[in-house]
Amino acid sequence: MQGWILLIVGLGIFLLVGVIITVCTLSCMARRKKKLQEKSKSGIAGNTALVSALQQSFAYQAQALAAQIEAGNNMQQDEECLTCNLIQMGSSMAYSDNTCPQCGRRCV
């Protein structure tokens, strides 16, 4: 009878130790996962204010560039650009095919 009691108590202790080890392992894995998630949000991506400021800056730059291109396309033919004037004065250089780098017109 005492042998059965010792066997049951031994198995109970063994199961209790197994449960404790399992809980500790799961807890350590959860902490490690949380630390990895915190590391992945470090740097620029972790700073939401900086990310939104950069996105806004890129959007403004794209709008400004589009406006400059639109203004360049709307330039009248008889109106010369500043770069064409500088090329004619010798203060600036045209491309090898004698075109203006700003507006693309031939400068002689």
PDB file of N, CA and C in Angstrom:
ATOM      1  N   MET A   1       0.815  -1.194   0.000  1.00  0.00           N
ATOM      2  CA  MET A   1       0.000   0.000   0.000  1.00  0.00           C
ATOM      3  C   MET A   1       0.858   1.257   0.000  1.00  0.00           C
ATOM      4  N   GLN A   2       1.947   1.239   0.775  1.00  0.00           N
ATOM      5  CA  GLN A   2       2.819   2.409   0.826  1.00  0.00           C
ATOM      6  C   GLN A   2       3.539   2.614  -0.513  1.00  0.00           C
ATOM      7  N   GLY A   3       3.777   1.549  -1.238  1.00  0.00           N
ATOM      8  CA  GLY A   3       4.415   1.651  -2.535  1.00  0.00           C
ATOM      9  C   GLY A   3       3.545   2.419  -3.523  1.00  0.00           C
ATOM     10  N   TRP A   4       2.233   2.172  -3.488  1.00  0.00           N
ATOM     11  CA  TRP A   4       1.304   2.884  -4.369  1.00  0.00           C
ATOM     12  C   TRP A   4       1.224   4.350  -4.003  1.00  0.00           C
ATOM     13  N   ILE A   5       1.239   4.645  -2.752  1.00  0.00           N
ATOM     14  CA  ILE A   5       1.172   6.038  -2.307  1.00  0.00           C
ATOM     15  C   ILE A   5       2.425   6.780  -2.764  1.00  0.00           C
ATOM     16  N   LEU A   6       3.583   6.165  -2.587  1.00  0.00           N
ATOM     17  CA  LEU A   6       4.833   6.788  -3.030  1.00  0.00           C
ATOM     18  C   LEU A   6       4.842   6.978  -4.547  1.00  0.00           C
ATOM     19  N   LEU A   7       4.317   6.006  -5.277  1.00  0.00           N
ATOM     20  CA  LEU A   7       4.253   6.113  -6.733  1.00  0.00           C
ATOM     21  C   LEU A   7       3.328   7.252  -7.159  1.00  0.00           C
ATOM     22  N   ILE A   8       2.190   7.371  -6.528  1.00  0.00           N
ATOM     23  CA  ILE A   8       1.242   8.436  -6.872  1.00  0.00           C
ATOM     24  C   ILE A   8       1.804   9.805  -6.494  1.00  0.00           C
ATOM     25  N   VAL A   9       2.404   9.910  -5.323  1.00  0.00           N
ATOM     26  CA  VAL A   9       3.007  11.174  -4.907  1.00  0.00           C
ATOM     27  C   VAL A   9       4.161  11.534  -5.837  1.00  0.00           C
ATOM     28  N   GLY A  10       4.969  10.554  -6.215  1.00  0.00           N
ATOM     29  CA  GLY A  10       6.085  10.787  -7.135  1.00  0.00           C
ATOM     30  C   GLY A  10       5.601  11.285  -8.494  1.00  0.00           C
ATOM     31  N   LEU A  11       4.553  10.660  -9.016  1.00  0.00           N
ATOM     32  CA  LEU A  11       3.995  11.097 -10.295  1.00  0.00           C
ATOM     33  C   LEU A  11       3.386  12.501 -10.189  1.00  0.00           C
ATOM     34  N   GLY A  12       2.749  12.784  -9.079  1.00  0.00           N
ATOM     35  CA  GLY A  12       2.177  14.119  -8.880  1.00  0.00           C
ATOM     36  C   GLY A  12       3.254  15.196  -8.854  1.00  0.00           C
ATOM     37  N   ILE A  13       4.335  14.903  -8.142  1.00  0.00           N
ATOM     38  CA  ILE A  13       5.451  15.860  -8.092  1.00  0.00           C
ATOM     39  C   ILE A  13       6.068  16.017  -9.478  1.00  0.00           C
ATOM     40  N   PHE A  14       6.225  14.916 -10.201  1.00  0.00           N
ATOM     41  CA  PHE A  14       6.782  14.960 -11.550  1.00  0.00           C
ATOM     42  C   PHE A  14       5.903  15.811 -12.474  1.00  0.00           C
ATOM     43  N   LEU A  15       4.593  15.635 -12.390  1.00  0.00           N
ATOM     44  CA  LEU A  15       3.679  16.440 -13.209  1.00  0.00           C
ATOM     45  C   LEU A  15       3.725  17.910 -12.804  1.00  0.00           C
ATOM     46  N   LEU A  16       3.804  18.196 -11.518  1.00  0.00           N
ATOM     47  CA  LEU A  16       3.887  19.574 -11.041  1.00  0.00           C
ATOM     48  C   LEU A  16       5.157  20.250 -11.553  1.00  0.00           C
ATOM     49  N   VAL A  17       6.278  19.554 -11.495  1.00  0.00           N
ATOM     50  CA  VAL A  17       7.540  20.108 -12.013  1.00  0.00           C
ATOM     51  C   VAL A  17       7.429  20.347 -13.517  1.00  0.00           C
ATOM     52  N   GLY A  18       6.793  19.430 -14.246  1.00  0.00           N
ATOM     53  CA  GLY A  18       6.613  19.598 -15.689  1.00  0.00           C
ATOM     54  C   GLY A  18       5.769  20.824 -16.020  1.00  0.00           C
ATOM     55  N   VAL A  19       4.703  21.038 -15.249  1.00  0.00           N
ATOM     56  CA  VAL A  19       3.848  22.208 -15.466  1.00  0.00           C
ATOM     57  C   VAL A  19       4.617  23.490 -15.169  1.00  0.00           C
ATOM     58  N   ILE A  20       5.395  23.507 -14.105  1.00  0.00           N
ATOM     59  CA  ILE A  20       6.188  24.695 -13.748  1.00  0.00           C
ATOM     60  C   ILE A  20       7.202  25.006 -14.844  1.00  0.00           C
ATOM     61  N   ILE A  21       7.889  23.988 -15.346  1.00  0.00           N
ATOM     62  CA  ILE A  21       8.871  24.198 -16.420  1.00  0.00           C
ATOM     63  C   ILE A  21       8.177  24.709 -17.679  1.00  0.00           C
ATOM     64  N   THR A  22       7.016  24.178 -18.007  1.00  0.00           N
ATOM     65  CA  THR A  22       6.276  24.624 -19.195  1.00  0.00           C
ATOM     66  C   THR A  22       5.851  26.083 -19.060  1.00  0.00           C
ATOM     67  N   VAL A  23       5.346  26.463 -17.898  1.00  0.00           N
ATOM     68  CA  VAL A  23       4.921  27.853 -17.672  1.00  0.00           C
ATOM     69  C   VAL A  23       6.118  28.797 -17.769  1.00  0.00           C
ATOM     70  N   CYS A  24       7.243  28.416 -17.183  1.00  0.00           N
ATOM     71  CA  CYS A  24       8.446  29.264 -17.252  1.00  0.00           C
ATOM     72  C   CYS A  24       8.936  29.410 -18.694  1.00  0.00           C
ATOM     73  N   THR A  25       8.920  28.322 -19.456  1.00  0.00           N
ATOM     74  CA  THR A  25       9.355  28.369 -20.853  1.00  0.00           C
ATOM     75  C   THR A  25       8.443  29.280 -21.678  1.00  0.00           C
ATOM     76  N   LEU A  26       7.140  29.143 -21.506  1.00  0.00           N
ATOM     77  CA  LEU A  26       6.199  29.991 -22.247  1.00  0.00           C
ATOM     78  C   LEU A  26       6.356  31.461 -21.856  1.00  0.00           C
ATOM     79  N   SER A  27       6.612  31.722 -20.597  1.00  0.00           N
ATOM     80  CA  SER A  27       6.811  33.097 -20.141  1.00  0.00           C
ATOM     81  C   SER A  27       8.063  33.710 -20.763  1.00  0.00           C
ATOM     82  N   CYS A  28       9.142  32.938 -20.795  1.00  0.00           N
ATOM     83  CA  CYS A  28      10.386  33.430 -21.410  1.00  0.00           C
ATOM     84  C   CYS A  28      10.203  33.684 -22.901  1.00  0.00           C
ATOM     85  N   MET A  29       9.476  32.810 -23.577  1.00  0.00           N
ATOM     86  CA  MET A  29       9.242  33.002 -25.008  1.00  0.00           C
ATOM     87  C   MET A  29       8.399  34.240 -25.263  1.00  0.00           C
ATOM     88  N   ALA A  30       7.422  34.504 -24.411  1.00  0.00           N
ATOM     89  CA  ALA A  30       6.589  35.697 -24.570  1.00  0.00           C
ATOM     90  C   ALA A  30       7.410  36.965 -24.371  1.00  0.00           C
ATOM     91  N   ARG A  31       8.299  36.965 -23.374  1.00  0.00           N
ATOM     92  CA  ARG A  31       9.169  38.138 -23.164  1.00  0.00           C
ATOM     93  C   ARG A  31      10.092  38.370 -24.346  1.00  0.00           C
ATOM     94  N   ARG A  32      10.672  37.293 -24.867  1.00  0.00           N
ATOM     95  CA  ARG A  32      11.579  37.415 -26.010  1.00  0.00           C
ATOM     96  C   ARG A  32      10.838  37.962 -27.233  1.00  0.00           C
ATOM     97  N   LYS A  33       9.616  37.487 -27.460  1.00  0.00           N
ATOM     98  CA  LYS A  33       8.821  37.967 -28.588  1.00  0.00           C
ATOM     99  C   LYS A  33       8.490  39.447 -28.420  1.00  0.00           C
ATOM    100  N   LYS A  34       8.177  39.861 -27.203  1.00  0.00           N
ATOM    101  CA  LYS A  34       7.862  41.268 -26.941  1.00  0.00           C
ATOM    102  C   LYS A  34       9.081  42.151 -27.175  1.00  0.00           C
ATOM    103  N   LYS A  35      10.261  41.689 -26.761  1.00  0.00           N
ATOM    104  CA  LYS A  35      11.488  42.468 -26.987  1.00  0.00           C
ATOM    105  C   LYS A  35      11.788  42.594 -28.471  1.00  0.00           C
ATOM    106  N   LEU A  36      11.577  41.526 -29.231  1.00  0.00           N
ATOM    107  CA  LEU A  36      11.816  41.582 -30.675  1.00  0.00           C
ATOM    108  C   LEU A  36      10.852  42.546 -31.356  1.00  0.00           C
ATOM    109  N   GLN A  37       9.602  42.576 -30.896  1.00  0.00           N
ATOM    110  CA  GLN A  37       8.640  43.509 -31.474  1.00  0.00           C
ATOM    111  C   GLN A  37       9.025  44.946 -31.146  1.00  0.00           C
ATOM    112  N   GLU A  38       9.540  45.198 -29.948  1.00  0.00           N
ATOM    113  CA  GLU A  38       9.965  46.545 -29.589  1.00  0.00           C
ATOM    114  C   GLU A  38      11.168  46.974 -30.413  1.00  0.00           C
ATOM    115  N   LYS A  39      12.089  46.042 -30.677  1.00  0.00           N
ATOM    116  CA  LYS A  39      13.260  46.365 -31.493  1.00  0.00           C
ATOM    117  C   LYS A  39      12.866  46.671 -32.926  1.00  0.00           C
ATOM    118  N   SER A  40      11.848  45.969 -33.429  1.00  0.00           N
ATOM    119  CA  SER A  40      11.452  46.195 -34.819  1.00  0.00           C
ATOM    120  C   SER A  40      10.817  47.568 -35.003  1.00  0.00           C
ATOM    121  N   LYS A  41      10.327  48.177 -33.943  1.00  0.00           N
ATOM    122  CA  LYS A  41       9.728  49.501 -34.040  1.00  0.00           C
ATOM    123  C   LYS A  41      10.696  50.597 -33.635  1.00  0.00           C
ATOM    124  N   SER A  42      11.963  50.268 -33.513  1.00  0.00           N
ATOM    125  CA  SER A  42      12.931  51.295 -33.155  1.00  0.00           C
ATOM    126  C   SER A  42      13.411  51.994 -34.425  1.00  0.00           C
ATOM    127  N   GLY A  43      14.102  53.088 -34.279  1.00  0.00           N
ATOM    128  CA  GLY A  43      14.590  53.839 -35.420  1.00  0.00           C
ATOM    129  C   GLY A  43      13.535  54.785 -35.956  1.00  0.00           C
ATOM    130  N   ILE A  44      13.589  55.042 -37.238  1.00  0.00           N
ATOM    131  CA  ILE A  44      12.674  56.000 -37.847  1.00  0.00           C
ATOM    132  C   ILE A  44      11.237  55.491 -37.808  1.00  0.00           C
ATOM    133  N   ALA A  45      11.038  54.202 -38.047  1.00  0.00           N
ATOM    134  CA  ALA A  45       9.682  53.660 -38.071  1.00  0.00           C
ATOM    135  C   ALA A  45       9.009  53.745 -36.708  1.00  0.00           C
ATOM    136  N   GLY A  46       9.778  53.778 -35.636  1.00  0.00           N
ATOM    137  CA  GLY A  46       9.208  53.879 -34.307  1.00  0.00           C
ATOM    138  C   GLY A  46       8.765  55.283 -33.942  1.00  0.00           C
ATOM    139  N   ASN A  47       9.247  56.282 -34.664  1.00  0.00           N
ATOM    140  CA  ASN A  47       8.907  57.675 -34.376  1.00  0.00           C
ATOM    141  C   ASN A  47       7.817  58.115 -35.349  1.00  0.00           C
ATOM    142  N   THR A  48       6.575  58.018 -34.926  1.00  0.00           N
ATOM    143  CA  THR A  48       5.457  58.300 -35.837  1.00  0.00           C
ATOM    144  C   THR A  48       5.410  59.760 -36.279  1.00  0.00           C
ATOM    145  N   ALA A  49       5.838  60.676 -35.409  1.00  0.00           N
ATOM    146  CA  ALA A  49       5.830  62.093 -35.793  1.00  0.00           C
ATOM    147  C   ALA A  49       6.827  62.340 -36.924  1.00  0.00           C
ATOM    148  N   LEU A  50       7.997  61.715 -36.825  1.00  0.00           N
ATOM    149  CA  LEU A  50       9.005  61.875 -37.874  1.00  0.00           C
ATOM    150  C   LEU A  50       8.542  61.249 -39.183  1.00  0.00           C
ATOM    151  N   VAL A  51       7.919  60.100 -39.105  1.00  0.00           N
ATOM    152  CA  VAL A  51       7.431  59.431 -40.311  1.00  0.00           C
ATOM    153  C   VAL A  51       6.385  60.287 -41.013  1.00  0.00           C
ATOM    154  N   SER A  52       5.442  60.848 -40.252  1.00  0.00           N
ATOM    155  CA  SER A  52       4.408  61.673 -40.881  1.00  0.00           C
ATOM    156  C   SER A  52       5.000  62.966 -41.443  1.00  0.00           C
ATOM    157  N   ALA A  53       6.007  63.543 -40.769  1.00  0.00           N
ATOM    158  CA  ALA A  53       6.647  64.753 -41.292  1.00  0.00           C
ATOM    159  C   ALA A  53       7.383  64.454 -42.597  1.00  0.00           C
ATOM    160  N   LEU A  54       8.049  63.303 -42.676  1.00  0.00           N
ATOM    161  CA  LEU A  54       8.738  62.925 -43.911  1.00  0.00           C
ATOM    162  C   LEU A  54       7.746  62.681 -45.050  1.00  0.00           C
ATOM    163  N   GLN A  55       6.642  62.017 -44.747  1.00  0.00           N
ATOM    164  CA  GLN A  55       5.634  61.779 -45.781  1.00  0.00           C
ATOM    165  C   GLN A  55       5.055  63.093 -46.293  1.00  0.00           C
ATOM    166  N   GLN A  56       4.804  64.023 -45.387  1.00  0.00           N
ATOM    167  CA  GLN A  56       4.271  65.322 -45.783  1.00  0.00           C
ATOM    168  C   GLN A  56       5.300  66.089 -46.614  1.00  0.00           C
ATOM    169  N   SER A  57       6.568  66.006 -46.227  1.00  0.00           N
ATOM    170  CA  SER A  57       7.620  66.685 -46.981  1.00  0.00           C
ATOM    171  C   SER A  57       7.728  66.123 -48.398  1.00  0.00           C
ATOM    172  N   PHE A  58       7.665  64.797 -48.532  1.00  0.00           N
ATOM    173  CA  PHE A  58       7.725  64.188 -49.858  1.00  0.00           C
ATOM    174  C   PHE A  58       6.538  64.607 -50.707  1.00  0.00           C
ATOM    175  N   ALA A  59       5.377  64.701 -50.095  1.00  0.00           N
ATOM    176  CA  ALA A  59       4.187  65.115 -50.840  1.00  0.00           C
ATOM    177  C   ALA A  59       4.326  66.558 -51.326  1.00  0.00           C
ATOM    178  N   TYR A  60       4.830  67.444 -50.465  1.00  0.00           N
ATOM    179  CA  TYR A  60       5.027  68.844 -50.863  1.00  0.00           C
ATOM    180  C   TYR A  60       6.076  68.959 -51.967  1.00  0.00           C
ATOM    181  N   GLN A  61       7.145  68.169 -51.871  1.00  0.00           N
ATOM    182  CA  GLN A  61       8.174  68.202 -52.910  1.00  0.00           C
ATOM    183  C   GLN A  61       7.608  67.744 -54.250  1.00  0.00           C
ATOM    184  N   ALA A  62       6.780  66.711 -54.224  1.00  0.00           N
ATOM    185  CA  ALA A  62       6.177  66.218 -55.462  1.00  0.00           C
ATOM    186  C   ALA A  62       5.247  67.273 -56.063  1.00  0.00           C
ATOM    187  N   GLN A  63       4.488  67.963 -55.212  1.00  0.00           N
ATOM    188  CA  GLN A  63       3.600  69.017 -55.707  1.00  0.00           C
ATOM    189  C   GLN A  63       4.399  70.177 -56.294  1.00  0.00           C
ATOM    190  N   ALA A  64       5.488  70.563 -55.623  1.00  0.00           N
ATOM    191  CA  ALA A  64       6.311  71.674 -56.110  1.00  0.00           C
ATOM    192  C   ALA A  64       6.964  71.315 -57.444  1.00  0.00           C
ATOM    193  N   LEU A  65       7.449  70.080 -57.555  1.00  0.00           N
ATOM    194  CA  LEU A  65       8.069  69.644 -58.799  1.00  0.00           C
ATOM    195  C   LEU A  65       7.051  69.605 -59.931  1.00  0.00           C
ATOM    196  N   ALA A  66       5.853  69.130 -59.638  1.00  0.00           N
ATOM    197  CA  ALA A  66       4.798  69.104 -60.655  1.00  0.00           C
ATOM    198  C   ALA A  66       4.438  70.524 -61.096  1.00  0.00           C
ATOM    199  N   ALA A  67       4.405  71.457 -60.151  1.00  0.00           N
ATOM    200  CA  ALA A  67       4.104  72.846 -60.501  1.00  0.00           C
ATOM    201  C   ALA A  67       5.209  73.448 -61.361  1.00  0.00           C
ATOM    202  N   GLN A  68       6.469  73.134 -61.067  1.00  0.00           N
ATOM    203  CA  GLN A  68       7.580  73.638 -61.880  1.00  0.00           C
ATOM    204  C   GLN A  68       7.528  73.065 -63.285  1.00  0.00           C
ATOM    205  N   ILE A  69       7.219  71.788 -63.398  1.00  0.00           N
ATOM    206  CA  ILE A  69       7.129  71.173 -64.722  1.00  0.00           C
ATOM    207  C   ILE A  69       5.974  71.791 -65.501  1.00  0.00           C
ATOM    208  N   GLU A  70       4.861  71.995 -64.836  1.00  0.00           N
ATOM    209  CA  GLU A  70       3.698  72.615 -65.484  1.00  0.00           C
ATOM    210  C   GLU A  70       4.034  74.032 -65.944  1.00  0.00           C
ATOM    211  N   ALA A  71       4.741  74.787 -65.106  1.00  0.00           N
ATOM    212  CA  ALA A  71       5.120  76.150 -65.472  1.00  0.00           C
ATOM    213  C   ALA A  71       6.095  76.137 -66.640  1.00  0.00           C
ATOM    214  N   GLY A  72       6.988  75.158 -66.672  1.00  0.00           N
ATOM    215  CA  GLY A  72       7.935  75.037 -67.779  1.00  0.00           C
ATOM    216  C   GLY A  72       7.242  74.679 -69.070  1.00  0.00           C
ATOM    217  N   ASN A  73       6.214  73.852 -68.985  1.00  0.00           N
ATOM    218  CA  ASN A  73       5.469  73.463 -70.180  1.00  0.00           C
ATOM    219  C   ASN A  73       4.606  74.604 -70.710  1.00  0.00           C
ATOM    220  N   ASN A  74       4.190  75.495 -69.832  1.00  0.00           N
ATOM    221  CA  ASN A  74       3.334  76.607 -70.229  1.00  0.00           C
ATOM    222  C   ASN A  74       4.129  77.822 -70.715  1.00  0.00           C
ATOM    223  N   MET A  75       5.468  77.745 -70.694  1.00  0.00           N
ATOM    224  CA  MET A  75       6.280  78.881 -71.110  1.00  0.00           C
ATOM    225  C   MET A  75       6.060  79.152 -72.601  1.00  0.00           C
ATOM    226  N   GLN A  76       5.871  80.382 -72.958  1.00  0.00           N
ATOM    227  CA  GLN A  76       5.611  80.733 -74.354  1.00  0.00           C
ATOM    228  C   GLN A  76       6.906  80.639 -75.156  1.00  0.00           C
ATOM    229  N   GLN A  77       6.786  80.417 -76.478  1.00  0.00           N
ATOM    230  CA  GLN A  77       7.946  80.222 -77.335  1.00  0.00           C
ATOM    231  C   GLN A  77       8.799  81.473 -77.453  1.00  0.00           C
ATOM    232  N   ASP A  78       8.193  82.653 -77.518  1.00  0.00           N
ATOM    233  CA  ASP A  78       8.979  83.870 -77.684  1.00  0.00           C
ATOM    234  C   ASP A  78       9.629  84.311 -76.380  1.00  0.00           C
ATOM    235  N   GLU A  79       9.265  83.731 -75.288  1.00  0.00           N
ATOM    236  CA  GLU A  79       9.827  84.078 -73.985  1.00  0.00           C
ATOM    237  C   GLU A  79      10.992  83.139 -73.693  1.00  0.00           C
ATOM    238  N   GLU A  80      12.186  83.691 -73.496  1.00  0.00           N
ATOM    239  CA  GLU A  80      13.350  82.855 -73.234  1.00  0.00           C
ATOM    240  C   GLU A  80      13.529  82.658 -71.742  1.00  0.00           C
ATOM    241  N   CYS A  81      14.077  81.509 -71.418  1.00  0.00           N
ATOM    242  CA  CYS A  81      14.311  81.245 -70.002  1.00  0.00           C
ATOM    243  C   CYS A  81      15.648  81.849 -69.572  1.00  0.00           C
ATOM    244  N   LEU A  82      15.854  81.937 -68.284  1.00  0.00           N
ATOM    245  CA  LEU A  82      17.075  82.525 -67.734  1.00  0.00           C
ATOM    246  C   LEU A  82      18.304  81.740 -68.159  1.00  0.00           C
ATOM    247  N   THR A  83      18.201  80.431 -68.210  1.00  0.00           N
ATOM    248  CA  THR A  83      19.347  79.611 -68.601  1.00  0.00           C
ATOM    249  C   THR A  83      19.725  79.872 -70.053  1.00  0.00           C
ATOM    250  N   CYS A  84      18.726  80.070 -70.932  1.00  0.00           N
ATOM    251  CA  CYS A  84      19.034  80.404 -72.327  1.00  0.00           C
ATOM    252  C   CYS A  84      19.814  81.720 -72.391  1.00  0.00           C
ATOM    253  N   ASN A  85      19.391  82.699 -71.604  1.00  0.00           N
ATOM    254  CA  ASN A  85      20.105  83.980 -71.578  1.00  0.00           C
ATOM    255  C   ASN A  85      21.527  83.808 -71.073  1.00  0.00           C
ATOM    256  N   LEU A  86      21.705  82.982 -70.045  1.00  0.00           N
ATOM    257  CA  LEU A  86      23.053  82.753 -69.513  1.00  0.00           C
ATOM    258  C   LEU A  86      23.930  82.034 -70.532  1.00  0.00           C
ATOM    259  N   ILE A  87      23.357  81.107 -71.299  1.00  0.00           N
ATOM    260  CA  ILE A  87      24.121  80.408 -72.332  1.00  0.00           C
ATOM    261  C   ILE A  87      24.550  81.391 -73.411  1.00  0.00           C
ATOM    262  N   GLN A  88      23.658  82.281 -73.815  1.00  0.00           N
ATOM    263  CA  GLN A  88      23.998  83.256 -74.850  1.00  0.00           C
ATOM    264  C   GLN A  88      25.068  84.228 -74.363  1.00  0.00           C
ATOM    265  N   MET A  89      25.075  84.539 -73.063  1.00  0.00           N
ATOM    266  CA  MET A  89      26.100  85.436 -72.521  1.00  0.00           C
ATOM    267  C   MET A  89      27.405  84.707 -72.258  1.00  0.00           C
ATOM    268  N   GLY A  90      27.384  83.384 -72.279  1.00  0.00           N
ATOM    269  CA  GLY A  90      28.594  82.610 -72.037  1.00  0.00           C
ATOM    270  C   GLY A  90      28.799  82.252 -70.574  1.00  0.00           C
ATOM    271  N   SER A  91      27.837  82.523 -69.727  1.00  0.00           N
ATOM    272  CA  SER A  91      27.974  82.217 -68.305  1.00  0.00           C
ATOM    273  C   SER A  91      27.539  80.805 -67.961  1.00  0.00           C
ATOM    274  N   SER A  92      26.868  80.149 -68.894  1.00  0.00           N
ATOM    275  CA  SER A  92      26.406  78.783 -68.666  1.00  0.00           C
ATOM    276  C   SER A  92      26.638  77.993 -69.942  1.00  0.00           C
ATOM    277  N   MET A  93      26.570  76.678 -69.833  1.00  0.00           N
ATOM    278  CA  MET A  93      26.834  75.829 -71.002  1.00  0.00           C
ATOM    279  C   MET A  93      25.587  75.051 -71.380  1.00  0.00           C
ATOM    280  N   ALA A  94      25.415  74.871 -72.679  1.00  0.00           N
ATOM    281  CA  ALA A  94      24.332  74.054 -73.192  1.00  0.00           C
ATOM    282  C   ALA A  94      24.797  72.605 -73.245  1.00  0.00           C
ATOM    283  N   TYR A  95      23.851  71.712 -73.509  1.00  0.00           N
ATOM    284  CA  TYR A  95      24.214  70.316 -73.717  1.00  0.00           C
ATOM    285  C   TYR A  95      25.015  70.189 -74.998  1.00  0.00           C
ATOM    286  N   SER A  96      25.567  69.008 -75.249  1.00  0.00           N
ATOM    287  CA  SER A  96      26.419  68.806 -76.424  1.00  0.00           C
ATOM    288  C   SER A  96      25.671  69.006 -77.737  1.00  0.00           C
ATOM    289  N   ASP A  97      24.351  68.867 -77.728  1.00  0.00           N
ATOM    290  CA  ASP A  97      23.572  69.101 -78.949  1.00  0.00           C
ATOM    291  C   ASP A  97      23.032  70.524 -79.007  1.00  0.00           C
ATOM    292  N   ASN A  98      23.626  71.425 -78.226  1.00  0.00           N
ATOM    293  CA  ASN A  98      23.285  72.851 -78.170  1.00  0.00           C
ATOM    294  C   ASN A  98      21.853  73.108 -77.715  1.00  0.00           C
ATOM    295  N   THR A  99      21.329  72.298 -76.828  1.00  0.00           N
ATOM    296  CA  THR A  99      20.009  72.538 -76.261  1.00  0.00           C
ATOM    297  C   THR A  99      20.155  72.998 -74.820  1.00  0.00           C
ATOM    298  N   CYS A 100      19.190  73.782 -74.406  1.00  0.00           N
ATOM    299  CA  CYS A 100      19.164  74.315 -73.048  1.00  0.00           C
ATOM    300  C   CYS A 100      18.787  73.203 -72.061  1.00  0.00           C
ATOM    301  N   PRO A 101      19.534  73.058 -70.965  1.00  0.00           N
ATOM    302  CA  PRO A 101      19.183  72.013 -69.991  1.00  0.00           C
ATOM    303  C   PRO A 101      17.887  72.318 -69.252  1.00  0.00           C
ATOM    304  N   GLN A 102      17.460  73.577 -69.214  1.00  0.00           N
ATOM    305  CA  GLN A 102      16.252  73.959 -68.476  1.00  0.00           C
ATOM    306  C   GLN A 102      14.995  73.742 -69.335  1.00  0.00           C
ATOM    307  N   CYS A 103      14.975  74.332 -70.545  1.00  0.00           N
ATOM    308  CA  CYS A 103      13.748  74.302 -71.336  1.00  0.00           C
ATOM    309  C   CYS A 103      13.851  73.407 -72.570  1.00  0.00           C
ATOM    310  N   GLY A 104      15.051  73.009 -72.969  1.00  0.00           N
ATOM    311  CA  GLY A 104      15.225  72.106 -74.102  1.00  0.00           C
ATOM    312  C   GLY A 104      15.297  72.786 -75.449  1.00  0.00           C
ATOM    313  N   ARG A 105      15.234  74.129 -75.503  1.00  0.00           N
ATOM    314  CA  ARG A 105      15.334  74.847 -76.770  1.00  0.00           C
ATOM    315  C   ARG A 105      16.781  74.891 -77.267  1.00  0.00           C
ATOM    316  N   ARG A 106      16.929  75.044 -78.585  1.00  0.00           N
ATOM    317  CA  ARG A 106      18.260  75.185 -79.162  1.00  0.00           C
ATOM    318  C   ARG A 106      18.817  76.583 -78.858  1.00  0.00           C
ATOM    319  N   CYS A 107      20.035  76.608 -78.356  1.00  0.00           N
ATOM    320  CA  CYS A 107      20.701  77.874 -78.069  1.00  0.00           C
ATOM    321  C   CYS A 107      21.937  77.969 -78.952  1.00  0.00           C
ATOM    322  N   VAL A 108      22.030  79.074 -79.724  1.00  0.00           N
ATOM    323  CA  VAL A 108      23.166  79.248 -80.644  1.00  0.00           C
ATOM    324  C   VAL A 108      24.040  80.364 -80.160  1.00  0.00           C
TER     325      VAL A 108
END
